[in-house]
Amino acid sequence: IEENPEYIKPEIAAGEINRDGRVSLLDVVLLCKYTAGSVTLNSSQLEAADCTGDSIVNSSDVTALQMYIVEKISVLPVVI
């Protein structure tokens, strides 16, 4: 496998877990399922799921994502 010097790693937006191009309630549902242990996430999804920026994906990230969607906060990641 050759390295591509022109390759640019896609930016991963916090909260955009299902990778459909927008942060929505579907991302909250997926994150809730992950924290409940019913689904697994790949590495880019886990990076996007860290809505608090603490490198741990848990219920605090669910809260932050919900607050973002209802516009109680305007930026992700956020420290709660």
PDB file of N, CA and C in Angstrom:
ATOM      1  N   ILE A   1       0.855  -1.177   0.000  1.00  0.00           N
ATOM      2  CA  ILE A   1       0.000   0.000   0.000  1.00  0.00           C
ATOM      3  C   ILE A   1       0.897   1.235   0.000  1.00  0.00           C
ATOM      4  N   GLU A   2       0.683   2.073  -0.979  1.00  0.00           N
ATOM      5  CA  GLU A   2       1.441   3.311  -1.060  1.00  0.00           C
ATOM      6  C   GLU A   2       0.718   4.414  -0.308  1.00  0.00           C
ATOM      7  N   GLU A   3       1.490   5.283   0.294  1.00  0.00           N
ATOM      8  CA  GLU A   3       0.894   6.431   0.952  1.00  0.00           C
ATOM      9  C   GLU A   3       0.582   7.488  -0.091  1.00  0.00           C
ATOM     10  N   ASN A   4      -0.536   8.135   0.065  1.00  0.00           N
ATOM     11  CA  ASN A   4      -0.937   9.193  -0.840  1.00  0.00           C
ATOM     12  C   ASN A   4      -0.609  10.523  -0.173  1.00  0.00           C
ATOM     13  N   PRO A   5       0.399  11.241  -0.669  1.00  0.00           N
ATOM     14  CA  PRO A   5       0.771  12.516  -0.033  1.00  0.00           C
ATOM     15  C   PRO A   5      -0.311  13.588  -0.149  1.00  0.00           C
ATOM     16  N   GLU A   6      -1.263  13.398  -1.050  1.00  0.00           N
ATOM     17  CA  GLU A   6      -2.329  14.372  -1.233  1.00  0.00           C
ATOM     18  C   GLU A   6      -3.554  14.059  -0.383  1.00  0.00           C
ATOM     19  N   TYR A   7      -3.507  12.938   0.330  1.00  0.00           N
ATOM     20  CA  TYR A   7      -4.652  12.541   1.154  1.00  0.00           C
ATOM     21  C   TYR A   7      -4.814  13.505   2.322  1.00  0.00           C
ATOM     22  N   ILE A   8      -6.022  13.952   2.514  1.00  0.00           N
ATOM     23  CA  ILE A   8      -6.346  14.826   3.644  1.00  0.00           C
ATOM     24  C   ILE A   8      -7.358  14.086   4.498  1.00  0.00           C
ATOM     25  N   LYS A   9      -7.019  13.887   5.758  1.00  0.00           N
ATOM     26  CA  LYS A   9      -7.927  13.202   6.667  1.00  0.00           C
ATOM     27  C   LYS A   9      -9.192  14.045   6.825  1.00  0.00           C
ATOM     28  N   PRO A  10     -10.353  13.422   6.594  1.00  0.00           N
ATOM     29  CA  PRO A  10     -11.586  14.195   6.746  1.00  0.00           C
ATOM     30  C   PRO A  10     -11.779  14.664   8.181  1.00  0.00           C
ATOM     31  N   GLU A  11     -12.245  15.874   8.320  1.00  0.00           N
ATOM     32  CA  GLU A  11     -12.496  16.411   9.648  1.00  0.00           C
ATOM     33  C   GLU A  11     -13.733  15.732  10.223  1.00  0.00           C
ATOM     34  N   ILE A  12     -13.641  15.368  11.476  1.00  0.00           N
ATOM     35  CA  ILE A  12     -14.753  14.708  12.145  1.00  0.00           C
ATOM     36  C   ILE A  12     -15.412  15.711  13.070  1.00  0.00           C
ATOM     37  N   ALA A  13     -16.649  16.041  12.774  1.00  0.00           N
ATOM     38  CA  ALA A  13     -17.381  17.026  13.563  1.00  0.00           C
ATOM     39  C   ALA A  13     -17.961  16.362  14.806  1.00  0.00           C
ATOM     40  N   ALA A  14     -17.744  16.994  15.938  1.00  0.00           N
ATOM     41  CA  ALA A  14     -18.318  16.483  17.188  1.00  0.00           C
ATOM     42  C   ALA A  14     -19.828  16.415  17.057  1.00  0.00           C
ATOM     43  N   GLY A  15     -20.397  15.281  17.476  1.00  0.00           N
ATOM     44  CA  GLY A  15     -21.839  15.103  17.445  1.00  0.00           C
ATOM     45  C   GLY A  15     -22.365  14.443  16.189  1.00  0.00           C
ATOM     46  N   GLU A  16     -21.574  14.416  15.125  1.00  0.00           N
ATOM     47  CA  GLU A  16     -22.021  13.857  13.852  1.00  0.00           C
ATOM     48  C   GLU A  16     -21.643  12.370  13.813  1.00  0.00           C
ATOM     49  N   ILE A  17     -22.308  11.594  14.635  1.00  0.00           N
ATOM     50  CA  ILE A  17     -21.925  10.213  14.910  1.00  0.00           C
ATOM     51  C   ILE A  17     -22.310   9.251  13.792  1.00  0.00           C
ATOM     52  N   ASN A  18     -23.484   9.416  13.207  1.00  0.00           N
ATOM     53  CA  ASN A  18     -23.915   8.453  12.190  1.00  0.00           C
ATOM     54  C   ASN A  18     -23.367   8.771  10.802  1.00  0.00           C
ATOM     55  N   ARG A  19     -22.588   9.823  10.677  1.00  0.00           N
ATOM     56  CA  ARG A  19     -21.853  10.195   9.470  1.00  0.00           C
ATOM     57  C   ARG A  19     -22.762  10.486   8.273  1.00  0.00           C
ATOM     58  N   ASP A  20     -23.928  11.099   8.541  1.00  0.00           N
ATOM     59  CA  ASP A  20     -24.831  11.459   7.446  1.00  0.00           C
ATOM     60  C   ASP A  20     -24.688  12.923   7.023  1.00  0.00           C
ATOM     61  N   GLY A  21     -23.728  13.624   7.617  1.00  0.00           N
ATOM     62  CA  GLY A  21     -23.458  15.001   7.213  1.00  0.00           C
ATOM     63  C   GLY A  21     -24.115  16.073   8.046  1.00  0.00           C
ATOM     64  N   ARG A  22     -24.871  15.680   9.069  1.00  0.00           N
ATOM     65  CA  ARG A  22     -25.505  16.688   9.933  1.00  0.00           C
ATOM     66  C   ARG A  22     -25.667  16.128  11.343  1.00  0.00           C
ATOM     67  N   VAL A  23     -25.738  17.011  12.304  1.00  0.00           N
ATOM     68  CA  VAL A  23     -25.968  16.627  13.698  1.00  0.00           C
ATOM     69  C   VAL A  23     -27.465  16.682  13.932  1.00  0.00           C
ATOM     70  N   SER A  24     -28.041  15.550  14.335  1.00  0.00           N
ATOM     71  CA  SER A  24     -29.490  15.489  14.485  1.00  0.00           C
ATOM     72  C   SER A  24     -29.875  14.533  15.606  1.00  0.00           C
ATOM     73  N   LEU A  25     -31.168  14.381  15.788  1.00  0.00           N
ATOM     74  CA  LEU A  25     -31.700  13.463  16.783  1.00  0.00           C
ATOM     75  C   LEU A  25     -31.262  12.027  16.510  1.00  0.00           C
ATOM     76  N   LEU A  26     -31.038  11.682  15.258  1.00  0.00           N
ATOM     77  CA  LEU A  26     -30.548  10.344  14.924  1.00  0.00           C
ATOM     78  C   LEU A  26     -29.195  10.069  15.569  1.00  0.00           C
ATOM     79  N   ASP A  27     -28.366  11.104  15.686  1.00  0.00           N
ATOM     80  CA  ASP A  27     -27.073  10.955  16.356  1.00  0.00           C
ATOM     81  C   ASP A  27     -27.265  10.718  17.853  1.00  0.00           C
ATOM     82  N   VAL A  28     -28.232  11.390  18.450  1.00  0.00           N
ATOM     83  CA  VAL A  28     -28.541  11.181  19.870  1.00  0.00           C
ATOM     84  C   VAL A  28     -28.987   9.741  20.102  1.00  0.00           C
ATOM     85  N   VAL A  29     -29.864   9.244  19.239  1.00  0.00           N
ATOM     86  CA  VAL A  29     -30.355   7.875  19.380  1.00  0.00           C
ATOM     87  C   VAL A  29     -29.194   6.885  19.287  1.00  0.00           C
ATOM     88  N   LEU A  30     -28.318   7.077  18.314  1.00  0.00           N
ATOM     89  CA  LEU A  30     -27.169   6.187  18.152  1.00  0.00           C
ATOM     90  C   LEU A  30     -26.257   6.252  19.369  1.00  0.00           C
ATOM     91  N   LEU A  31     -26.025   7.450  19.891  1.00  0.00           N
ATOM     92  CA  LEU A  31     -25.178   7.605  21.066  1.00  0.00           C
ATOM     93  C   LEU A  31     -25.814   6.954  22.296  1.00  0.00           C
ATOM     94  N   CYS A  32     -27.112   7.086  22.446  1.00  0.00           N
ATOM     95  CA  CYS A  32     -27.814   6.419  23.552  1.00  0.00           C
ATOM     96  C   CYS A  32     -27.685   4.907  23.451  1.00  0.00           C
ATOM     97  N   LYS A  33     -27.823   4.382  22.248  1.00  0.00           N
ATOM     98  CA  LYS A  33     -27.675   2.945  22.045  1.00  0.00           C
ATOM     99  C   LYS A  33     -26.259   2.492  22.379  1.00  0.00           C
ATOM    100  N   TYR A  34     -25.267   3.316  22.009  1.00  0.00           N
ATOM    101  CA  TYR A  34     -23.875   2.978  22.329  1.00  0.00           C
ATOM    102  C   TYR A  34     -23.655   2.962  23.845  1.00  0.00           C
ATOM    103  N   THR A  35     -24.122   3.984  24.536  1.00  0.00           N
ATOM    104  CA  THR A  35     -23.905   4.039  25.983  1.00  0.00           C
ATOM    105  C   THR A  35     -24.669   2.934  26.711  1.00  0.00           C
ATOM    106  N   ALA A  36     -25.746   2.430  26.094  1.00  0.00           N
ATOM    107  CA  ALA A  36     -26.499   1.311  26.667  1.00  0.00           C
ATOM    108  C   ALA A  36     -25.853  -0.032  26.329  1.00  0.00           C
ATOM    109  N   GLY A  37     -24.880  -0.018  25.430  1.00  0.00           N
ATOM    110  CA  GLY A  37     -24.172  -1.239  25.078  1.00  0.00           C
ATOM    111  C   GLY A  37     -24.835  -2.067  23.988  1.00  0.00           C
ATOM    112  N   SER A  38     -25.796  -1.490  23.275  1.00  0.00           N
ATOM    113  CA  SER A  38     -26.502  -2.273  22.265  1.00  0.00           C
ATOM    114  C   SER A  38     -25.926  -2.130  20.856  1.00  0.00           C
ATOM    115  N   VAL A  39     -25.027  -1.166  20.638  1.00  0.00           N
ATOM    116  CA  VAL A  39     -24.341  -1.025  19.349  1.00  0.00           C
ATOM    117  C   VAL A  39     -22.872  -0.714  19.599  1.00  0.00           C
ATOM    118  N   THR A  40     -22.057  -0.962  18.593  1.00  0.00           N
ATOM    119  CA  THR A  40     -20.653  -0.571  18.654  1.00  0.00           C
ATOM    120  C   THR A  40     -20.437   0.559  17.661  1.00  0.00           C
ATOM    121  N   LEU A  41     -19.433   1.350  17.910  1.00  0.00           N
ATOM    122  CA  LEU A  41     -19.085   2.454  17.021  1.00  0.00           C
ATOM    123  C   LEU A  41     -17.670   2.251  16.513  1.00  0.00           C
ATOM    124  N   ASN A  42     -17.411   2.683  15.275  1.00  0.00           N
ATOM    125  CA  ASN A  42     -16.041   2.605  14.763  1.00  0.00           C
ATOM    126  C   ASN A  42     -15.239   3.795  15.300  1.00  0.00           C
ATOM    127  N   SER A  43     -13.973   3.857  14.963  1.00  0.00           N
ATOM    128  CA  SER A  43     -13.100   4.886  15.552  1.00  0.00           C
ATOM    129  C   SER A  43     -13.529   6.310  15.202  1.00  0.00           C
ATOM    130  N   SER A  44     -13.964   6.554  13.974  1.00  0.00           N
ATOM    131  CA  SER A  44     -14.386   7.919  13.632  1.00  0.00           C
ATOM    132  C   SER A  44     -15.698   8.271  14.322  1.00  0.00           C
ATOM    133  N   GLN A  45     -16.581   7.293  14.497  1.00  0.00           N
ATOM    134  CA  GLN A  45     -17.823   7.545  15.222  1.00  0.00           C
ATOM    135  C   GLN A  45     -17.537   7.827  16.693  1.00  0.00           C
ATOM    136  N   LEU A  46     -16.595   7.096  17.270  1.00  0.00           N
ATOM    137  CA  LEU A  46     -16.235   7.348  18.672  1.00  0.00           C
ATOM    138  C   LEU A  46     -15.637   8.737  18.841  1.00  0.00           C
ATOM    139  N   GLU A  47     -14.834   9.151  17.877  1.00  0.00           N
ATOM    140  CA  GLU A  47     -14.258  10.501  17.931  1.00  0.00           C
ATOM    141  C   GLU A  47     -15.369  11.551  17.883  1.00  0.00           C
ATOM    142  N   ALA A  48     -16.351  11.343  17.015  1.00  0.00           N
ATOM    143  CA  ALA A  48     -17.473  12.277  16.893  1.00  0.00           C
ATOM    144  C   ALA A  48     -18.377  12.232  18.121  1.00  0.00           C
ATOM    145  N   ALA A  49     -18.441  11.076  18.782  1.00  0.00           N
ATOM    146  CA  ALA A  49     -19.313  10.903  19.949  1.00  0.00           C
ATOM    147  C   ALA A  49     -18.786  11.598  21.195  1.00  0.00           C
ATOM    148  N   ASP A  50     -17.525  11.971  21.207  1.00  0.00           N
ATOM    149  CA  ASP A  50     -16.929  12.631  22.373  1.00  0.00           C
ATOM    150  C   ASP A  50     -17.329  14.108  22.377  1.00  0.00           C
ATOM    151  N   CYS A  51     -18.565  14.362  22.756  1.00  0.00           N
ATOM    152  CA  CYS A  51     -19.135  15.716  22.705  1.00  0.00           C
ATOM    153  C   CYS A  51     -18.667  16.603  23.852  1.00  0.00           C
ATOM    154  N   THR A  52     -17.990  16.029  24.848  1.00  0.00           N
ATOM    155  CA  THR A  52     -17.475  16.824  25.953  1.00  0.00           C
ATOM    156  C   THR A  52     -15.966  17.031  25.852  1.00  0.00           C
ATOM    157  N   GLY A  53     -15.326  16.386  24.892  1.00  0.00           N
ATOM    158  CA  GLY A  53     -13.899  16.590  24.680  1.00  0.00           C
ATOM    159  C   GLY A  53     -13.005  16.001  25.745  1.00  0.00           C
ATOM    160  N   ASP A  54     -13.513  15.040  26.523  1.00  0.00           N
ATOM    161  CA  ASP A  54     -12.709  14.451  27.587  1.00  0.00           C
ATOM    162  C   ASP A  54     -12.141  13.082  27.232  1.00  0.00           C
ATOM    163  N   SER A  55     -12.294  12.670  25.978  1.00  0.00           N
ATOM    164  CA  SER A  55     -11.808  11.381  25.467  1.00  0.00           C
ATOM    165  C   SER A  55     -12.515  10.178  26.065  1.00  0.00           C
ATOM    166  N   ILE A  56     -13.650  10.395  26.704  1.00  0.00           N
ATOM    167  CA  ILE A  56     -14.469   9.320  27.262  1.00  0.00           C
ATOM    168  C   ILE A  56     -15.881   9.504  26.714  1.00  0.00           C
ATOM    169  N   VAL A  57     -16.451   8.445  26.156  1.00  0.00           N
ATOM    170  CA  VAL A  57     -17.809   8.533  25.625  1.00  0.00           C
ATOM    171  C   VAL A  57     -18.757   7.908  26.639  1.00  0.00           C
ATOM    172  N   ASN A  58     -19.619   8.756  27.215  1.00  0.00           N
ATOM    173  CA  ASN A  58     -20.556   8.285  28.243  1.00  0.00           C
ATOM    174  C   ASN A  58     -21.814   9.162  28.233  1.00  0.00           C
ATOM    175  N   SER A  59     -22.605   9.066  29.282  1.00  0.00           N
ATOM    176  CA  SER A  59     -23.873   9.800  29.344  1.00  0.00           C
ATOM    177  C   SER A  59     -23.685  11.320  29.326  1.00  0.00           C
ATOM    178  N   SER A  60     -22.543  11.807  29.738  1.00  0.00           N
ATOM    179  CA  SER A  60     -22.285  13.253  29.658  1.00  0.00           C
ATOM    180  C   SER A  60     -22.265  13.726  28.211  1.00  0.00           C
ATOM    181  N   ASP A  61     -21.794  12.864  27.329  1.00  0.00           N
ATOM    182  CA  ASP A  61     -21.785  13.204  25.906  1.00  0.00           C
ATOM    183  C   ASP A  61     -23.206  13.231  25.351  1.00  0.00           C
ATOM    184  N   VAL A  62     -24.060  12.329  25.823  1.00  0.00           N
ATOM    185  CA  VAL A  62     -25.468  12.331  25.426  1.00  0.00           C
ATOM    186  C   VAL A  62     -26.105  13.658  25.830  1.00  0.00           C
ATOM    187  N   THR A  63     -25.865  14.070  27.066  1.00  0.00           N
ATOM    188  CA  THR A  63     -26.417  15.330  27.566  1.00  0.00           C
ATOM    189  C   THR A  63     -25.940  16.512  26.730  1.00  0.00           C
ATOM    190  N   ALA A  64     -24.645  16.555  26.450  1.00  0.00           N
ATOM    191  CA  ALA A  64     -24.091  17.652  25.653  1.00  0.00           C
ATOM    192  C   ALA A  64     -24.705  17.678  24.262  1.00  0.00           C
ATOM    193  N   LEU A  65     -24.853  16.516  23.647  1.00  0.00           N
ATOM    194  CA  LEU A  65     -25.423  16.454  22.307  1.00  0.00           C
ATOM    195  C   LEU A  65     -26.887  16.880  22.309  1.00  0.00           C
ATOM    196  N   GLN A  66     -27.624  16.466  23.303  1.00  0.00           N
ATOM    197  CA  GLN A  66     -29.025  16.896  23.416  1.00  0.00           C
ATOM    198  C   GLN A  66     -29.113  18.409  23.587  1.00  0.00           C
ATOM    199  N   MET A  67     -28.256  18.973  24.438  1.00  0.00           N
ATOM    200  CA  MET A  67     -28.252  20.417  24.650  1.00  0.00           C
ATOM    201  C   MET A  67     -27.911  21.164  23.356  1.00  0.00           C
ATOM    202  N   TYR A  68     -27.007  20.600  22.573  1.00  0.00           N
ATOM    203  CA  TYR A  68     -26.631  21.221  21.304  1.00  0.00           C
ATOM    204  C   TYR A  68     -27.814  21.213  20.327  1.00  0.00           C
ATOM    205  N   ILE A  69     -28.503  20.101  20.254  1.00  0.00           N
ATOM    206  CA  ILE A  69     -29.612  19.979  19.311  1.00  0.00           C
ATOM    207  C   ILE A  69     -30.765  20.927  19.655  1.00  0.00           C
ATOM    208  N   VAL A  70     -31.023  21.131  20.948  1.00  0.00           N
ATOM    209  CA  VAL A  70     -32.100  22.059  21.335  1.00  0.00           C
ATOM    210  C   VAL A  70     -31.582  23.490  21.507  1.00  0.00           C
ATOM    211  N   GLU A  71     -30.347  23.712  21.064  1.00  0.00           N
ATOM    212  CA  GLU A  71     -29.713  25.026  21.026  1.00  0.00           C
ATOM    213  C   GLU A  71     -29.517  25.676  22.389  1.00  0.00           C
ATOM    214  N   LYS A  72     -29.290  24.851  23.417  1.00  0.00           N
ATOM    215  CA  LYS A  72     -28.926  25.386  24.735  1.00  0.00           C
ATOM    216  C   LYS A  72     -27.429  25.702  24.778  1.00  0.00           C
ATOM    217  N   ILE A  73     -26.660  25.032  23.918  1.00  0.00           N
ATOM    218  CA  ILE A  73     -25.249  25.345  23.718  1.00  0.00           C
ATOM    219  C   ILE A  73     -25.030  25.476  22.222  1.00  0.00           C
ATOM    220  N   SER A  74     -24.008  26.223  21.832  1.00  0.00           N
ATOM    221  CA  SER A  74     -23.828  26.494  20.413  1.00  0.00           C
ATOM    222  C   SER A  74     -22.601  25.829  19.785  1.00  0.00           C
ATOM    223  N   VAL A  75     -21.770  25.198  20.611  1.00  0.00           N
ATOM    224  CA  VAL A  75     -20.530  24.614  20.103  1.00  0.00           C
ATOM    225  C   VAL A  75     -20.282  23.250  20.757  1.00  0.00           C
ATOM    226  N   LEU A  76     -19.832  22.318  19.947  1.00  0.00           N
ATOM    227  CA  LEU A  76     -19.355  21.029  20.442  1.00  0.00           C
ATOM    228  C   LEU A  76     -17.919  20.872  19.995  1.00  0.00           C
ATOM    229  N   PRO A  77     -17.050  20.261  20.755  1.00  0.00           N
ATOM    230  CA  PRO A  77     -17.284  19.730  22.104  1.00  0.00           C
ATOM    231  C   PRO A  77     -17.363  20.853  23.142  1.00  0.00           C
ATOM    232  N   VAL A  78     -18.035  20.537  24.223  1.00  0.00           N
ATOM    233  CA  VAL A  78     -18.197  21.483  25.315  1.00  0.00           C
ATOM    234  C   VAL A  78     -17.946  20.759  26.625  1.00  0.00           C
ATOM    235  N   VAL A  79     -17.390  21.448  27.589  1.00  0.00           N
ATOM    236  CA  VAL A  79     -17.171  20.866  28.909  1.00  0.00           C
ATOM    237  C   VAL A  79     -18.392  21.139  29.765  1.00  0.00           C
ATOM    238  N   ILE A  80     -19.002  20.064  30.274  1.00  0.00           N
ATOM    239  CA  ILE A  80     -20.200  20.213  31.112  1.00  0.00           C
ATOM    240  C   ILE A  80     -19.805  20.186  32.569  1.00  0.00           C
TER     241      ILE A  80
END
